[in-house]
Amino acid sequence: MALLEVNDINVYYGSIHAIKSVSFKVNEGEIISLIGANGAGKTTILQTISGLLKSTTGSIIFDGKDITQTPAHKIVYLGLAQCCEGRRIFQQMTVLENLEMGAYSQPDSTIKENLERVFERFPRLKERRRQIAGTLSGGEQQMLAMGRAMMSNPKILLLDEPSMGLSPILVDEIFDIIKTLNQHGTTILLVEQNAQKALKITDRGYVLETGRIVKSAKGKELLDDDDVKKAYLGG
């Protein structure tokens, strides 16, 4: 069953046609990846789904509801959370305060349980819960950004470049965490420059070029695709 359906969206930045008649779906329980070069439109698609940008055409259906014109803050209440590129944590607040900020859409009675769940997935955050977030390492900040998004108890998590700027060891750790989140019931829509890593954990992937989807297939099939290898995998 499709948890998220994107139907024929077109997005403009002024006169620039950034997203051109894009359609795809994300089924419940899947990890779906959007791959493509810088400027292909991956982040713009995520921002349109989460309500930060608006499409001039088409529709976005989430969990059976049309959210095409729904304000971003109300979309969070429906069970969709985005972890933005660049982490965007609250640098001067503690780890715990950052996580609590992510729970604004949740009843007070559920926050403790959600926090325990996040600490189970990210034990390093529990160790550093009183630490000022801006003093964390890059990998820990990424974990905090993901944990903060998880505090809204989302049905689907939109991840934008979670491995950006991280060492290879931390990249492996972040991808292991993504797989674990998915195994525990969170559907994932992933935008990632490291196409090799992304496609290895992906159920299905979509390749974007200049605002259009030009190819779609299972993750393994895209890994073996000669055109994809040449363009994105260094093959």
C-alpha atoms as a PDB file:
ATOM      1  CA  MET A   1       0.000   0.000   0.000  1.00  0.00           C
ATOM      2  CA  ALA A   2       1.334   3.434  -0.937  1.00  0.00           C
ATOM      3  CA  LEU A   3       1.995   5.537   2.162  1.00  0.00           C
ATOM      4  CA  LEU A   4       3.107   8.483   0.030  1.00  0.00           C
ATOM      5  CA  GLU A   5       2.095   9.310  -3.543  1.00  0.00           C
ATOM      6  CA  VAL A   6       3.627  12.184  -5.490  1.00  0.00           C
ATOM      7  CA  ASN A   7       1.574  12.864  -8.606  1.00  0.00           C
ATOM      8  CA  ASP A   8       2.749  15.152 -11.432  1.00  0.00           C
ATOM      9  CA  ILE A   9       4.318  17.929  -9.345  1.00  0.00           C
ATOM     10  CA  ASN A  10       5.934  20.979 -10.931  1.00  0.00           C
ATOM     11  CA  VAL A  11       7.911  23.413  -8.802  1.00  0.00           C
ATOM     12  CA  TYR A  12       9.359  26.778  -9.787  1.00  0.00           C
ATOM     13  CA  TYR A  13      11.903  29.150  -8.268  1.00  0.00           C
ATOM     14  CA  GLY A  14      10.681  32.318  -9.921  1.00  0.00           C
ATOM     15  CA  SER A  15      11.010  31.629 -13.649  1.00  0.00           C
ATOM     16  CA  ILE A  16      13.234  28.564 -13.109  1.00  0.00           C
ATOM     17  CA  HIS A  17      11.367  25.287 -13.633  1.00  0.00           C
ATOM     18  CA  ALA A  18      13.090  23.182 -10.947  1.00  0.00           C
ATOM     19  CA  ILE A  19      10.829  20.090 -10.798  1.00  0.00           C
ATOM     20  CA  LYS A  20       9.181  18.879 -13.997  1.00  0.00           C
ATOM     21  CA  SER A  21       6.150  16.580 -13.829  1.00  0.00           C
ATOM     22  CA  VAL A  22       7.593  14.259 -11.176  1.00  0.00           C
ATOM     23  CA  SER A  23       5.549  11.273  -9.981  1.00  0.00           C
ATOM     24  CA  PHE A  24       6.524   8.413  -7.687  1.00  0.00           C
ATOM     25  CA  LYS A  25       5.270   6.496  -4.685  1.00  0.00           C
ATOM     26  CA  VAL A  26       6.623   5.172  -1.407  1.00  0.00           C
ATOM     27  CA  ASN A  27       5.031   2.049   0.004  1.00  0.00           C
ATOM     28  CA  GLU A  28       4.717   1.501   3.730  1.00  0.00           C
ATOM     29  CA  GLY A  29       7.864  -0.107   5.166  1.00  0.00           C
ATOM     30  CA  GLU A  30      10.136   0.725   2.220  1.00  0.00           C
ATOM     31  CA  ILE A  31      13.392   2.601   1.936  1.00  0.00           C
ATOM     32  CA  ILE A  32      13.202   4.691  -1.237  1.00  0.00           C
ATOM     33  CA  SER A  33      16.181   6.667  -2.542  1.00  0.00           C
ATOM     34  CA  LEU A  34      16.315   9.686  -4.822  1.00  0.00           C
ATOM     35  CA  ILE A  35      19.719   9.967  -6.459  1.00  0.00           C
ATOM     36  CA  GLY A  36      21.148  12.473  -8.892  1.00  0.00           C
ATOM     37  CA  ALA A  37      23.763  15.168  -9.330  1.00  0.00           C
ATOM     38  CA  ASN A  38      23.821  18.399  -7.362  1.00  0.00           C
ATOM     39  CA  GLY A  39      21.032  20.615  -8.636  1.00  0.00           C
ATOM     40  CA  ALA A  40      18.947  17.725  -9.969  1.00  0.00           C
ATOM     41  CA  GLY A  41      16.043  18.659  -7.680  1.00  0.00           C
ATOM     42  CA  LYS A  42      16.260  16.080  -4.898  1.00  0.00           C
ATOM     43  CA  THR A  43      16.051  18.506  -1.969  1.00  0.00           C
ATOM     44  CA  THR A  44      13.361  20.528  -3.718  1.00  0.00           C
ATOM     45  CA  ILE A  45      11.190  17.410  -3.945  1.00  0.00           C
ATOM     46  CA  LEU A  46      11.595  16.730  -0.214  1.00  0.00           C
ATOM     47  CA  GLN A  47      10.773  20.322   0.653  1.00  0.00           C
ATOM     48  CA  THR A  48       7.667  20.171  -1.528  1.00  0.00           C
ATOM     49  CA  ILE A  49       6.471  16.972   0.138  1.00  0.00           C
ATOM     50  CA  SER A  50       7.002  18.454   3.601  1.00  0.00           C
ATOM     51  CA  GLY A  51       5.132  21.660   2.695  1.00  0.00           C
ATOM     52  CA  LEU A  52       8.046  24.088   2.647  1.00  0.00           C
ATOM     53  CA  LEU A  53       7.550  24.607  -1.104  1.00  0.00           C
ATOM     54  CA  LYS A  54       4.383  24.333  -3.197  1.00  0.00           C
ATOM     55  CA  SER A  55       3.756  22.634  -6.507  1.00  0.00           C
ATOM     56  CA  THR A  56       1.826  24.456  -9.223  1.00  0.00           C
ATOM     57  CA  THR A  57       0.203  21.207 -10.401  1.00  0.00           C
ATOM     58  CA  GLY A  58      -0.623  17.690  -9.290  1.00  0.00           C
ATOM     59  CA  SER A  59      -1.039  16.337  -5.791  1.00  0.00           C
ATOM     60  CA  ILE A  60       0.788  14.839  -2.832  1.00  0.00           C
ATOM     61  CA  ILE A  61      -1.143  12.145  -0.983  1.00  0.00           C
ATOM     62  CA  PHE A  62       0.140  11.011   2.406  1.00  0.00           C
ATOM     63  CA  ASP A  63      -1.525   8.193   4.333  1.00  0.00           C
ATOM     64  CA  GLY A  64      -4.660   8.655   2.230  1.00  0.00           C
ATOM     65  CA  LYS A  65      -4.873  12.438   2.771  1.00  0.00           C
ATOM     66  CA  ASP A  66      -4.224  15.136   0.190  1.00  0.00           C
ATOM     67  CA  ILE A  67      -1.518  17.342   1.760  1.00  0.00           C
ATOM     68  CA  THR A  68      -0.695  19.349  -1.367  1.00  0.00           C
ATOM     69  CA  GLN A  69      -1.789  22.645   0.212  1.00  0.00           C
ATOM     70  CA  THR A  70      -1.334  21.701   3.860  1.00  0.00           C
ATOM     71  CA  PRO A  71       1.027  23.997   5.827  1.00  0.00           C
ATOM     72  CA  ALA A  72       4.336  22.397   6.830  1.00  0.00           C
ATOM     73  CA  HIS A  73       3.717  22.542  10.588  1.00  0.00           C
ATOM     74  CA  LYS A  74       0.418  20.682  10.201  1.00  0.00           C
ATOM     75  CA  ILE A  75       2.005  17.979   8.044  1.00  0.00           C
ATOM     76  CA  VAL A  76       4.229  17.021  10.996  1.00  0.00           C
ATOM     77  CA  TYR A  77       1.094  16.269  13.031  1.00  0.00           C
ATOM     78  CA  LEU A  78       0.017  13.787  10.335  1.00  0.00           C
ATOM     79  CA  GLY A  79       3.167  11.702  10.797  1.00  0.00           C
ATOM     80  CA  LEU A  80       5.685  13.030   8.257  1.00  0.00           C
ATOM     81  CA  ALA A  81       9.029  14.396   9.449  1.00  0.00           C
ATOM     82  CA  GLN A  82      12.015  15.751   7.550  1.00  0.00           C
ATOM     83  CA  CYS A  83      15.635  15.714   8.659  1.00  0.00           C
ATOM     84  CA  CYS A  84      17.113  18.578   6.665  1.00  0.00           C
ATOM     85  CA  GLU A  85      20.433  18.811   4.875  1.00  0.00           C
ATOM     86  CA  GLY A  86      23.070  20.365   7.129  1.00  0.00           C
ATOM     87  CA  ARG A  87      21.435  19.017  10.342  1.00  0.00           C
ATOM     88  CA  ARG A  88      20.136  22.435  11.534  1.00  0.00           C
ATOM     89  CA  ILE A  89      20.184  21.569  15.193  1.00  0.00           C
ATOM     90  CA  PHE A  90      19.787  24.246  17.869  1.00  0.00           C
ATOM     91  CA  GLN A  91      23.472  24.822  18.562  1.00  0.00           C
ATOM     92  CA  GLN A  92      23.140  26.585  21.950  1.00  0.00           C
ATOM     93  CA  MET A  93      20.637  24.140  23.416  1.00  0.00           C
ATOM     94  CA  THR A  94      21.412  20.808  25.054  1.00  0.00           C
ATOM     95  CA  VAL A  95      20.903  17.480  23.336  1.00  0.00           C
ATOM     96  CA  LEU A  96      17.854  16.843  25.505  1.00  0.00           C
ATOM     97  CA  GLU A  97      16.364  20.253  24.733  1.00  0.00           C
ATOM     98  CA  ASN A  98      16.828  19.651  20.996  1.00  0.00           C
ATOM     99  CA  LEU A  99      15.025  16.317  21.259  1.00  0.00           C
ATOM    100  CA  GLU A 100      12.190  17.853  23.256  1.00  0.00           C
ATOM    101  CA  MET A 101      11.773  20.498  20.530  1.00  0.00           C
ATOM    102  CA  GLY A 102      11.144  17.665  18.069  1.00  0.00           C
ATOM    103  CA  ALA A 103       8.202  16.457  20.166  1.00  0.00           C
ATOM    104  CA  TYR A 104       6.054  19.594  19.878  1.00  0.00           C
ATOM    105  CA  SER A 105       3.408  17.749  17.865  1.00  0.00           C
ATOM    106  CA  GLN A 106       3.089  14.952  20.417  1.00  0.00           C
ATOM    107  CA  PRO A 107       0.960  14.700  23.576  1.00  0.00           C
ATOM    108  CA  ASP A 108       2.950  15.255  26.770  1.00  0.00           C
ATOM    109  CA  SER A 109       2.047  11.746  27.893  1.00  0.00           C
ATOM    110  CA  THR A 110       4.044  10.194  25.012  1.00  0.00           C
ATOM    111  CA  ILE A 111       7.246  12.255  25.200  1.00  0.00           C
ATOM    112  CA  LYS A 112       9.005  10.090  27.795  1.00  0.00           C
ATOM    113  CA  GLU A 113       8.306   6.929  25.795  1.00  0.00           C
ATOM    114  CA  ASN A 114       9.458   8.563  22.537  1.00  0.00           C
ATOM    115  CA  LEU A 115      12.609   9.818  24.257  1.00  0.00           C
ATOM    116  CA  GLU A 116      13.437   6.344  25.546  1.00  0.00           C
ATOM    117  CA  ARG A 117      12.951   4.973  22.038  1.00  0.00           C
ATOM    118  CA  VAL A 118      15.337   7.575  20.594  1.00  0.00           C
ATOM    119  CA  PHE A 119      17.943   6.839  23.278  1.00  0.00           C
ATOM    120  CA  GLU A 120      17.644   3.135  22.485  1.00  0.00           C
ATOM    121  CA  ARG A 121      18.388   3.836  18.806  1.00  0.00           C
ATOM    122  CA  PHE A 122      21.048   6.481  19.594  1.00  0.00           C
ATOM    123  CA  PRO A 123      22.769   5.504  22.867  1.00  0.00           C
ATOM    124  CA  ARG A 124      25.435   8.157  22.298  1.00  0.00           C
ATOM    125  CA  LEU A 125      22.767  10.845  22.606  1.00  0.00           C
ATOM    126  CA  LYS A 126      21.753   9.458  25.987  1.00  0.00           C
ATOM    127  CA  GLU A 127      25.362   9.702  27.148  1.00  0.00           C
ATOM    128  CA  ARG A 128      25.513  13.335  25.982  1.00  0.00           C
ATOM    129  CA  ARG A 129      21.956  14.422  26.801  1.00  0.00           C
ATOM    130  CA  ARG A 130      23.160  17.330  28.992  1.00  0.00           C
ATOM    131  CA  GLN A 131      25.832  18.441  26.505  1.00  0.00           C
ATOM    132  CA  ILE A 132      25.461  21.614  24.425  1.00  0.00           C
ATOM    133  CA  ALA A 133      24.549  20.427  20.922  1.00  0.00           C
ATOM    134  CA  GLY A 134      27.016  22.700  19.146  1.00  0.00           C
ATOM    135  CA  THR A 135      29.924  20.923  20.857  1.00  0.00           C
ATOM    136  CA  LEU A 136      28.996  17.497  19.458  1.00  0.00           C
ATOM    137  CA  SER A 137      30.977  15.900  16.640  1.00  0.00           C
ATOM    138  CA  GLY A 138      29.548  15.981  13.115  1.00  0.00           C
ATOM    139  CA  GLY A 139      28.329  12.403  13.382  1.00  0.00           C
ATOM    140  CA  GLU A 140      26.708  13.035  16.745  1.00  0.00           C
ATOM    141  CA  GLN A 141      24.986  16.130  15.383  1.00  0.00           C
ATOM    142  CA  GLN A 142      23.566  14.042  12.537  1.00  0.00           C
ATOM    143  CA  MET A 143      22.312  11.493  15.054  1.00  0.00           C
ATOM    144  CA  LEU A 144      20.718  14.336  17.018  1.00  0.00           C
ATOM    145  CA  ALA A 145      18.992  15.710  13.920  1.00  0.00           C
ATOM    146  CA  MET A 146      17.617  12.257  13.127  1.00  0.00           C
ATOM    147  CA  GLY A 147      16.642  11.663  16.745  1.00  0.00           C
ATOM    148  CA  ARG A 148      14.848  15.010  16.903  1.00  0.00           C
ATOM    149  CA  ALA A 149      12.843  14.073  13.814  1.00  0.00           C
ATOM    150  CA  MET A 150      12.018  10.697  15.362  1.00  0.00           C
ATOM    151  CA  MET A 151      10.597  12.444  18.445  1.00  0.00           C
ATOM    152  CA  SER A 152       7.513  13.302  16.371  1.00  0.00           C
ATOM    153  CA  ASN A 153       6.894   9.547  16.021  1.00  0.00           C
ATOM    154  CA  PRO A 154       6.722   9.747  12.207  1.00  0.00           C
ATOM    155  CA  LYS A 155       5.239   7.165   9.877  1.00  0.00           C
ATOM    156  CA  ILE A 156       7.696   8.333   7.234  1.00  0.00           C
ATOM    157  CA  LEU A 157      11.059  10.027   7.674  1.00  0.00           C
ATOM    158  CA  LEU A 158      12.525  12.209   4.918  1.00  0.00           C
ATOM    159  CA  LEU A 159      16.335  12.222   5.161  1.00  0.00           C
ATOM    160  CA  ASP A 160      18.307  14.805   3.184  1.00  0.00           C
ATOM    161  CA  GLU A 161      22.023  14.002   2.775  1.00  0.00           C
ATOM    162  CA  PRO A 162      22.527  12.311   6.175  1.00  0.00           C
ATOM    163  CA  SER A 163      26.143  11.321   5.413  1.00  0.00           C
ATOM    164  CA  MET A 164      27.294  14.759   4.256  1.00  0.00           C
ATOM    165  CA  GLY A 165      30.667  15.750   5.717  1.00  0.00           C
ATOM    166  CA  LEU A 166      31.128  12.582   7.755  1.00  0.00           C
ATOM    167  CA  SER A 167      34.108  10.230   7.883  1.00  0.00           C
ATOM    168  CA  PRO A 168      33.726   6.823   6.197  1.00  0.00           C
ATOM    169  CA  ILE A 169      33.358   5.082   9.582  1.00  0.00           C
ATOM    170  CA  LEU A 170      30.574   7.446  10.643  1.00  0.00           C
ATOM    171  CA  VAL A 171      28.899   7.107   7.246  1.00  0.00           C
ATOM    172  CA  ASP A 172      28.699   3.349   7.833  1.00  0.00           C
ATOM    173  CA  GLU A 173      27.244   3.964  11.289  1.00  0.00           C
ATOM    174  CA  ILE A 174      24.598   6.378  10.000  1.00  0.00           C
ATOM    175  CA  PHE A 175      23.504   3.922   7.306  1.00  0.00           C
ATOM    176  CA  ASP A 176      23.295   1.133   9.881  1.00  0.00           C
ATOM    177  CA  ILE A 177      21.033   3.394  11.952  1.00  0.00           C
ATOM    178  CA  ILE A 178      18.841   4.111   8.916  1.00  0.00           C
ATOM    179  CA  LYS A 179      18.428   0.368   8.319  1.00  0.00           C
ATOM    180  CA  THR A 180      17.574  -0.175  11.995  1.00  0.00           C
ATOM    181  CA  LEU A 181      14.966   2.598  11.988  1.00  0.00           C
ATOM    182  CA  ASN A 182      13.376   1.023   8.938  1.00  0.00           C
ATOM    183  CA  GLN A 183      13.427  -2.454  10.451  1.00  0.00           C
ATOM    184  CA  HIS A 184      11.542  -1.074  13.452  1.00  0.00           C
ATOM    185  CA  GLY A 185       8.736   0.246  11.282  1.00  0.00           C
ATOM    186  CA  THR A 186       9.719   3.677   9.949  1.00  0.00           C
ATOM    187  CA  THR A 187       9.331   4.191   6.211  1.00  0.00           C
ATOM    188  CA  ILE A 188      12.284   6.132   4.760  1.00  0.00           C
ATOM    189  CA  LEU A 189      12.571   8.508   1.798  1.00  0.00           C
ATOM    190  CA  LEU A 190      16.283   9.132   1.366  1.00  0.00           C
ATOM    191  CA  VAL A 191      18.185  11.766  -0.611  1.00  0.00           C
ATOM    192  CA  GLU A 192      21.873  10.955  -0.634  1.00  0.00           C
ATOM    193  CA  GLN A 193      24.927  11.928  -2.700  1.00  0.00           C
ATOM    194  CA  ASN A 194      26.623   8.666  -1.724  1.00  0.00           C
ATOM    195  CA  ALA A 195      24.586   6.695  -4.239  1.00  0.00           C
ATOM    196  CA  GLN A 196      26.552   3.492  -3.660  1.00  0.00           C
ATOM    197  CA  LYS A 197      25.646   3.407   0.040  1.00  0.00           C
ATOM    198  CA  ALA A 198      22.072   4.524  -0.558  1.00  0.00           C
ATOM    199  CA  LEU A 199      21.260   1.962  -3.232  1.00  0.00           C
ATOM    200  CA  LYS A 200      22.664  -0.905  -1.147  1.00  0.00           C
ATOM    201  CA  ILE A 201      19.921  -0.402   1.458  1.00  0.00           C
ATOM    202  CA  THR A 202      17.214   0.764  -0.945  1.00  0.00           C
ATOM    203  CA  ASP A 203      14.115  -1.189  -1.917  1.00  0.00           C
ATOM    204  CA  ARG A 204      13.545   1.041  -4.941  1.00  0.00           C
ATOM    205  CA  GLY A 205      15.361   4.060  -6.324  1.00  0.00           C
ATOM    206  CA  TYR A 206      14.600   6.966  -8.639  1.00  0.00           C
ATOM    207  CA  VAL A 207      17.263   8.756 -10.684  1.00  0.00           C
ATOM    208  CA  LEU A 208      16.777  12.494 -11.210  1.00  0.00           C
ATOM    209  CA  GLU A 209      18.302  14.653 -13.919  1.00  0.00           C
ATOM    210  CA  THR A 210      17.534  18.368 -14.184  1.00  0.00           C
ATOM    211  CA  GLY A 211      14.233  18.061 -12.357  1.00  0.00           C
ATOM    212  CA  ARG A 212      12.930  14.924 -14.063  1.00  0.00           C
ATOM    213  CA  ILE A 213      12.864  11.265 -13.108  1.00  0.00           C
ATOM    214  CA  VAL A 214      14.764   9.489 -15.870  1.00  0.00           C
ATOM    215  CA  LYS A 215      15.051   6.003 -14.405  1.00  0.00           C
ATOM    216  CA  SER A 216      13.517   3.896 -11.652  1.00  0.00           C
ATOM    217  CA  ALA A 217      14.205   0.342 -10.493  1.00  0.00           C
ATOM    218  CA  LYS A 218      15.014  -1.778  -7.472  1.00  0.00           C
ATOM    219  CA  GLY A 219      18.121  -0.671  -5.614  1.00  0.00           C
ATOM    220  CA  LYS A 220      20.192  -3.680  -6.700  1.00  0.00           C
ATOM    221  CA  GLU A 221      19.189  -3.203 -10.339  1.00  0.00           C
ATOM    222  CA  LEU A 222      20.341   0.431 -10.257  1.00  0.00           C
ATOM    223  CA  LEU A 223      23.643  -0.649  -8.689  1.00  0.00           C
ATOM    224  CA  ASP A 224      24.169  -2.955 -11.668  1.00  0.00           C
ATOM    225  CA  ASP A 225      22.966  -0.453 -14.272  1.00  0.00           C
ATOM    226  CA  ASP A 226      25.831   0.660 -16.524  1.00  0.00           C
ATOM    227  CA  ASP A 227      24.496   4.200 -16.986  1.00  0.00           C
ATOM    228  CA  VAL A 228      24.033   4.661 -13.243  1.00  0.00           C
ATOM    229  CA  LYS A 229      27.479   3.221 -12.560  1.00  0.00           C
ATOM    230  CA  LYS A 230      29.090   5.640 -14.984  1.00  0.00           C
ATOM    231  CA  ALA A 231      27.212   8.713 -13.773  1.00  0.00           C
ATOM    232  CA  TYR A 232      26.978   8.183 -10.008  1.00  0.00           C
ATOM    233  CA  LEU A 233      29.012   5.202  -8.829  1.00  0.00           C
ATOM    234  CA  GLY A 234      32.397   5.878 -10.350  1.00  0.00           C
ATOM    235  CA  GLY A 235      32.135   2.802 -12.541  1.00  0.00           C
END
